[in-house]
Amino acid sequence: MRLLAALAAALLLFPLAGAAPLHAYHSTITELRYNAAKKQLELSVKVFTDDFERALSQGQPAHVNLTDAGPRPLALATAYLVRTLQVSTPAGAPLPLQVLGMQAENDGYWFYCKVSLPGPMAGVKLRQAMLLDVFGDEMNIVNIEAGGKKQSALFRAGHEQEVLTW
């Protein structure tokens, strides 16, 4: 877990170190918080702009730019998030992801989402497969805050899904 925390910190600090726009690694960071009072999961997902635009552009007639005016960038991003970031009960019942918005930050974007829960829960099944279809070396780091505990999980090709308990 300390290795994941160190990697996450390095990924967040990398842009401050004068990094070139292109990067040698591919990663997302997801902050997942269980809000028992509101019966929901609150998720914040950070992606590198160039990586995410590449994923969104696949199958499109023209390159997708997240800064384009209009609803298209958020609509495409929402569809991609719903397809690749999935939450279900530990038994496998799907829990719909609601994308609330996005915010630019340095060389990336934060996407804010929530998942309404049917009641108190001691865990969920998470599938975090973002960008795995684009980059073979993609690492999706998930930091979980729930039940008074903090933990981390790493999702990669071949390990896209895990039951998270708290």
C-alpha atoms as a PDB file:
ATOM      1  CA  MET A   1       0.000   0.000   0.000  1.00  0.00           C
ATOM      2  CA  ARG A   2       2.885   2.386   0.689  1.00  0.00           C
ATOM      3  CA  LEU A   3       4.222   1.672  -2.792  1.00  0.00           C
ATOM      4  CA  LEU A   4       0.866   2.650  -4.292  1.00  0.00           C
ATOM      5  CA  ALA A   5       0.735   5.815  -2.199  1.00  0.00           C
ATOM      6  CA  ALA A   6       4.286   6.741  -3.263  1.00  0.00           C
ATOM      7  CA  LEU A   7       3.452   6.066  -6.903  1.00  0.00           C
ATOM      8  CA  ALA A   8       0.298   8.167  -6.659  1.00  0.00           C
ATOM      9  CA  ALA A   9       2.253  11.033  -5.069  1.00  0.00           C
ATOM     10  CA  ALA A  10       4.904  10.824  -7.785  1.00  0.00           C
ATOM     11  CA  LEU A  11       2.242  10.893 -10.476  1.00  0.00           C
ATOM     12  CA  LEU A  12       0.622  13.962  -8.961  1.00  0.00           C
ATOM     13  CA  LEU A  13       3.955  15.777  -8.532  1.00  0.00           C
ATOM     14  CA  PHE A  14       5.385  14.808 -11.934  1.00  0.00           C
ATOM     15  CA  PRO A  15       3.865  17.821 -13.780  1.00  0.00           C
ATOM     16  CA  LEU A  16       5.493  20.170 -11.252  1.00  0.00           C
ATOM     17  CA  ALA A  17       8.929  18.789 -12.091  1.00  0.00           C
ATOM     18  CA  GLY A  18       8.967  20.407 -15.540  1.00  0.00           C
ATOM     19  CA  ALA A  19       7.771  17.321 -17.369  1.00  0.00           C
ATOM     20  CA  ALA A  20       7.322  17.380 -21.104  1.00  0.00           C
ATOM     21  CA  PRO A  21       3.730  17.137 -22.340  1.00  0.00           C
ATOM     22  CA  LEU A  22       4.301  13.510 -23.373  1.00  0.00           C
ATOM     23  CA  HIS A  23       4.955  11.040 -20.601  1.00  0.00           C
ATOM     24  CA  ALA A  24       6.589   7.643 -20.411  1.00  0.00           C
ATOM     25  CA  TYR A  25       3.912   6.014 -18.261  1.00  0.00           C
ATOM     26  CA  HIS A  26       0.149   5.719 -18.475  1.00  0.00           C
ATOM     27  CA  SER A  27      -1.956   6.024 -15.367  1.00  0.00           C
ATOM     28  CA  THR A  28      -5.173   7.254 -13.828  1.00  0.00           C
ATOM     29  CA  ILE A  29      -5.861   8.035 -10.201  1.00  0.00           C
ATOM     30  CA  THR A  30      -9.297   7.457  -8.727  1.00  0.00           C
ATOM     31  CA  GLU A  31     -10.283   8.772  -5.313  1.00  0.00           C
ATOM     32  CA  LEU A  32     -13.279   6.770  -4.065  1.00  0.00           C
ATOM     33  CA  ARG A  33     -15.074   7.898  -0.908  1.00  0.00           C
ATOM     34  CA  TYR A  34     -17.936   6.054   0.754  1.00  0.00           C
ATOM     35  CA  ASN A  35     -20.442   8.578   2.084  1.00  0.00           C
ATOM     36  CA  ALA A  36     -22.664   6.506   4.410  1.00  0.00           C
ATOM     37  CA  ALA A  37     -24.836   9.491   5.386  1.00  0.00           C
ATOM     38  CA  LYS A  38     -25.804  10.154   1.753  1.00  0.00           C
ATOM     39  CA  LYS A  39     -25.782   6.449   0.808  1.00  0.00           C
ATOM     40  CA  GLN A  40     -23.431   7.045  -2.094  1.00  0.00           C
ATOM     41  CA  LEU A  41     -19.937   6.617  -3.413  1.00  0.00           C
ATOM     42  CA  GLU A  42     -18.177   9.793  -4.494  1.00  0.00           C
ATOM     43  CA  LEU A  43     -15.496   9.323  -7.133  1.00  0.00           C
ATOM     44  CA  SER A  44     -12.902  11.707  -8.543  1.00  0.00           C
ATOM     45  CA  VAL A  45     -10.859  10.405 -11.475  1.00  0.00           C
ATOM     46  CA  LYS A  46      -7.706  12.103 -12.774  1.00  0.00           C
ATOM     47  CA  VAL A  47      -6.567  11.367 -16.323  1.00  0.00           C
ATOM     48  CA  PHE A  48      -3.783  12.751 -18.503  1.00  0.00           C
ATOM     49  CA  THR A  49      -5.395  14.908 -21.195  1.00  0.00           C
ATOM     50  CA  ASP A  50      -3.450  13.458 -24.136  1.00  0.00           C
ATOM     51  CA  ASP A  51      -4.117   9.852 -23.107  1.00  0.00           C
ATOM     52  CA  PHE A  52      -7.810  10.427 -22.511  1.00  0.00           C
ATOM     53  CA  GLU A  53      -8.304  12.362 -25.745  1.00  0.00           C
ATOM     54  CA  ARG A  54      -6.627   9.496 -27.602  1.00  0.00           C
ATOM     55  CA  ALA A  55      -9.067   7.020 -26.038  1.00  0.00           C
ATOM     56  CA  LEU A  56     -12.067   9.227 -26.794  1.00  0.00           C
ATOM     57  CA  SER A  57     -10.909   9.740 -30.396  1.00  0.00           C
ATOM     58  CA  GLN A  58     -10.902   6.027 -31.207  1.00  0.00           C
ATOM     59  CA  GLY A  59     -13.701   5.361 -33.686  1.00  0.00           C
ATOM     60  CA  GLN A  60     -14.493   9.067 -34.100  1.00  0.00           C
ATOM     61  CA  PRO A  61     -14.259  10.847 -37.474  1.00  0.00           C
ATOM     62  CA  ALA A  62     -12.020  13.565 -35.985  1.00  0.00           C
ATOM     63  CA  HIS A  63      -9.725  13.939 -32.974  1.00  0.00           C
ATOM     64  CA  VAL A  64     -11.628  14.700 -29.765  1.00  0.00           C
ATOM     65  CA  ASN A  65     -10.352  17.707 -27.859  1.00  0.00           C
ATOM     66  CA  LEU A  66     -11.640  18.105 -24.294  1.00  0.00           C
ATOM     67  CA  THR A  67     -11.472  21.903 -24.629  1.00  0.00           C
ATOM     68  CA  ASP A  68     -13.866  21.994 -27.611  1.00  0.00           C
ATOM     69  CA  ALA A  69     -16.955  24.111 -27.058  1.00  0.00           C
ATOM     70  CA  GLY A  70     -20.314  22.447 -26.634  1.00  0.00           C
ATOM     71  CA  PRO A  71     -21.564  19.283 -24.981  1.00  0.00           C
ATOM     72  CA  ARG A  72     -19.680  16.757 -27.189  1.00  0.00           C
ATOM     73  CA  PRO A  73     -16.492  16.377 -25.079  1.00  0.00           C
ATOM     74  CA  LEU A  74     -18.393  15.747 -21.833  1.00  0.00           C
ATOM     75  CA  ALA A  75     -20.892  13.463 -23.585  1.00  0.00           C
ATOM     76  CA  LEU A  76     -18.082  11.328 -25.074  1.00  0.00           C
ATOM     77  CA  ALA A  77     -16.196  11.330 -21.760  1.00  0.00           C
ATOM     78  CA  THR A  78     -19.345  10.312 -19.880  1.00  0.00           C
ATOM     79  CA  ALA A  79     -20.004   7.422 -22.260  1.00  0.00           C
ATOM     80  CA  TYR A  80     -16.391   6.265 -21.895  1.00  0.00           C
ATOM     81  CA  LEU A  81     -16.455   6.497 -18.092  1.00  0.00           C
ATOM     82  CA  VAL A  82     -19.740   4.574 -17.857  1.00  0.00           C
ATOM     83  CA  ARG A  83     -18.272   1.846 -20.110  1.00  0.00           C
ATOM     84  CA  THR A  84     -14.908   1.492 -18.340  1.00  0.00           C
ATOM     85  CA  LEU A  85     -15.545   2.467 -14.688  1.00  0.00           C
ATOM     86  CA  GLN A  86     -18.256   0.246 -13.256  1.00  0.00           C
ATOM     87  CA  VAL A  87     -19.501  -0.269  -9.730  1.00  0.00           C
ATOM     88  CA  SER A  88     -21.720  -3.099  -8.541  1.00  0.00           C
ATOM     89  CA  THR A  89     -22.734  -4.744  -5.290  1.00  0.00           C
ATOM     90  CA  PRO A  90     -20.354  -7.487  -4.134  1.00  0.00           C
ATOM     91  CA  ALA A  91     -22.917  -9.970  -5.525  1.00  0.00           C
ATOM     92  CA  GLY A  92     -22.713  -8.295  -8.957  1.00  0.00           C
ATOM     93  CA  ALA A  93     -25.848  -6.119  -9.184  1.00  0.00           C
ATOM     94  CA  PRO A  94     -24.895  -3.025 -11.234  1.00  0.00           C
ATOM     95  CA  LEU A  95     -24.975   0.396  -9.576  1.00  0.00           C
ATOM     96  CA  PRO A  96     -25.251   3.220 -12.149  1.00  0.00           C
ATOM     97  CA  LEU A  97     -22.413   5.743 -12.362  1.00  0.00           C
ATOM     98  CA  GLN A  98     -23.497   9.376 -12.651  1.00  0.00           C
ATOM     99  CA  VAL A  99     -20.903  11.753 -14.124  1.00  0.00           C
ATOM    100  CA  LEU A 100     -21.321  15.175 -12.518  1.00  0.00           C
ATOM    101  CA  GLY A 101     -18.695  17.156 -14.436  1.00  0.00           C
ATOM    102  CA  MET A 102     -15.066  17.686 -15.314  1.00  0.00           C
ATOM    103  CA  GLN A 103     -12.338  20.165 -14.437  1.00  0.00           C
ATOM    104  CA  ALA A 104      -9.014  20.863 -16.169  1.00  0.00           C
ATOM    105  CA  GLU A 105      -5.859  20.734 -14.046  1.00  0.00           C
ATOM    106  CA  ASN A 106      -2.324  21.143 -15.463  1.00  0.00           C
ATOM    107  CA  ASP A 107      -1.831  18.348 -18.006  1.00  0.00           C
ATOM    108  CA  GLY A 108      -4.943  16.449 -16.970  1.00  0.00           C
ATOM    109  CA  TYR A 109      -8.595  16.487 -16.113  1.00  0.00           C
ATOM    110  CA  TRP A 110     -10.551  15.519 -13.023  1.00  0.00           C
ATOM    111  CA  PHE A 111     -13.905  13.843 -13.585  1.00  0.00           C
ATOM    112  CA  TYR A 112     -16.374  13.906 -10.727  1.00  0.00           C
ATOM    113  CA  CYS A 113     -18.909  11.093 -10.362  1.00  0.00           C
ATOM    114  CA  LYS A 114     -21.254   9.535  -7.839  1.00  0.00           C
ATOM    115  CA  VAL A 115     -22.955   6.194  -7.397  1.00  0.00           C
ATOM    116  CA  SER A 116     -26.181   5.970  -5.389  1.00  0.00           C
ATOM    117  CA  LEU A 117     -26.274   2.949  -3.106  1.00  0.00           C
ATOM    118  CA  PRO A 118     -29.353   0.918  -2.125  1.00  0.00           C
ATOM    119  CA  GLY A 119     -28.417   1.203   1.564  1.00  0.00           C
ATOM    120  CA  PRO A 120     -25.478   0.798   3.926  1.00  0.00           C
ATOM    121  CA  MET A 121     -22.731  -1.286   2.357  1.00  0.00           C
ATOM    122  CA  ALA A 122     -19.542  -2.900   3.589  1.00  0.00           C
ATOM    123  CA  GLY A 123     -17.995  -2.970   0.123  1.00  0.00           C
ATOM    124  CA  VAL A 124     -18.494  -2.911  -3.634  1.00  0.00           C
ATOM    125  CA  LYS A 125     -17.177  -4.616  -6.718  1.00  0.00           C
ATOM    126  CA  LEU A 126     -15.205  -2.142  -8.826  1.00  0.00           C
ATOM    127  CA  ARG A 127     -14.146  -2.509 -12.442  1.00  0.00           C
ATOM    128  CA  GLN A 128     -11.570   0.161 -13.310  1.00  0.00           C
ATOM    129  CA  ALA A 129     -10.580  -0.529 -16.933  1.00  0.00           C
ATOM    130  CA  MET A 130      -9.995   3.029 -18.109  1.00  0.00           C
ATOM    131  CA  LEU A 131      -7.422   3.305 -20.901  1.00  0.00           C
ATOM    132  CA  LEU A 132      -6.550  -0.402 -20.707  1.00  0.00           C
ATOM    133  CA  ASP A 133      -7.906  -0.711 -24.244  1.00  0.00           C
ATOM    134  CA  VAL A 134      -5.433   1.964 -25.415  1.00  0.00           C
ATOM    135  CA  PHE A 135      -2.205   1.398 -23.449  1.00  0.00           C
ATOM    136  CA  GLY A 136      -0.768  -2.001 -22.559  1.00  0.00           C
ATOM    137  CA  ASP A 137       1.148  -0.542 -19.605  1.00  0.00           C
ATOM    138  CA  GLU A 138      -1.812   1.375 -18.131  1.00  0.00           C
ATOM    139  CA  MET A 139      -2.028   1.441 -14.316  1.00  0.00           C
ATOM    140  CA  ASN A 140      -5.240   2.585 -12.628  1.00  0.00           C
ATOM    141  CA  ILE A 141      -4.644   3.470  -9.006  1.00  0.00           C
ATOM    142  CA  VAL A 142      -7.694   3.633  -6.739  1.00  0.00           C
ATOM    143  CA  ASN A 143      -7.479   5.213  -3.294  1.00  0.00           C
ATOM    144  CA  ILE A 144     -10.435   4.291  -1.104  1.00  0.00           C
ATOM    145  CA  GLU A 145     -11.657   6.136   1.971  1.00  0.00           C
ATOM    146  CA  ALA A 146     -14.447   4.279   3.742  1.00  0.00           C
ATOM    147  CA  GLY A 147     -15.435   3.095   7.167  1.00  0.00           C
ATOM    148  CA  GLY A 148     -12.730   5.216   8.766  1.00  0.00           C
ATOM    149  CA  LYS A 149     -10.019   3.406   6.791  1.00  0.00           C
ATOM    150  CA  LYS A 150      -7.865   4.318   3.823  1.00  0.00           C
ATOM    151  CA  GLN A 151      -6.627   1.731   1.379  1.00  0.00           C
ATOM    152  CA  SER A 152      -5.426   1.480  -2.211  1.00  0.00           C
ATOM    153  CA  ALA A 153      -5.892  -0.919  -5.097  1.00  0.00           C
ATOM    154  CA  LEU A 154      -4.112  -1.247  -8.433  1.00  0.00           C
ATOM    155  CA  PHE A 155      -5.954  -2.208 -11.604  1.00  0.00           C
ATOM    156  CA  ARG A 156      -4.064  -3.329 -14.736  1.00  0.00           C
ATOM    157  CA  ALA A 157      -4.632  -5.476 -17.800  1.00  0.00           C
ATOM    158  CA  GLY A 158      -5.634  -8.899 -16.503  1.00  0.00           C
ATOM    159  CA  HIS A 159      -6.756  -7.390 -13.170  1.00  0.00           C
ATOM    160  CA  GLU A 160      -9.515  -4.952 -14.098  1.00  0.00           C
ATOM    161  CA  GLN A 161     -11.941  -5.876 -11.342  1.00  0.00           C
ATOM    162  CA  GLU A 162     -11.790  -6.308  -7.576  1.00  0.00           C
ATOM    163  CA  VAL A 163     -14.142  -6.502  -4.606  1.00  0.00           C
ATOM    164  CA  LEU A 164     -13.305  -3.640  -2.247  1.00  0.00           C
ATOM    165  CA  THR A 165     -14.395  -4.036   1.366  1.00  0.00           C
ATOM    166  CA  TRP A 166     -14.333  -1.691   4.316  1.00  0.00           C
END
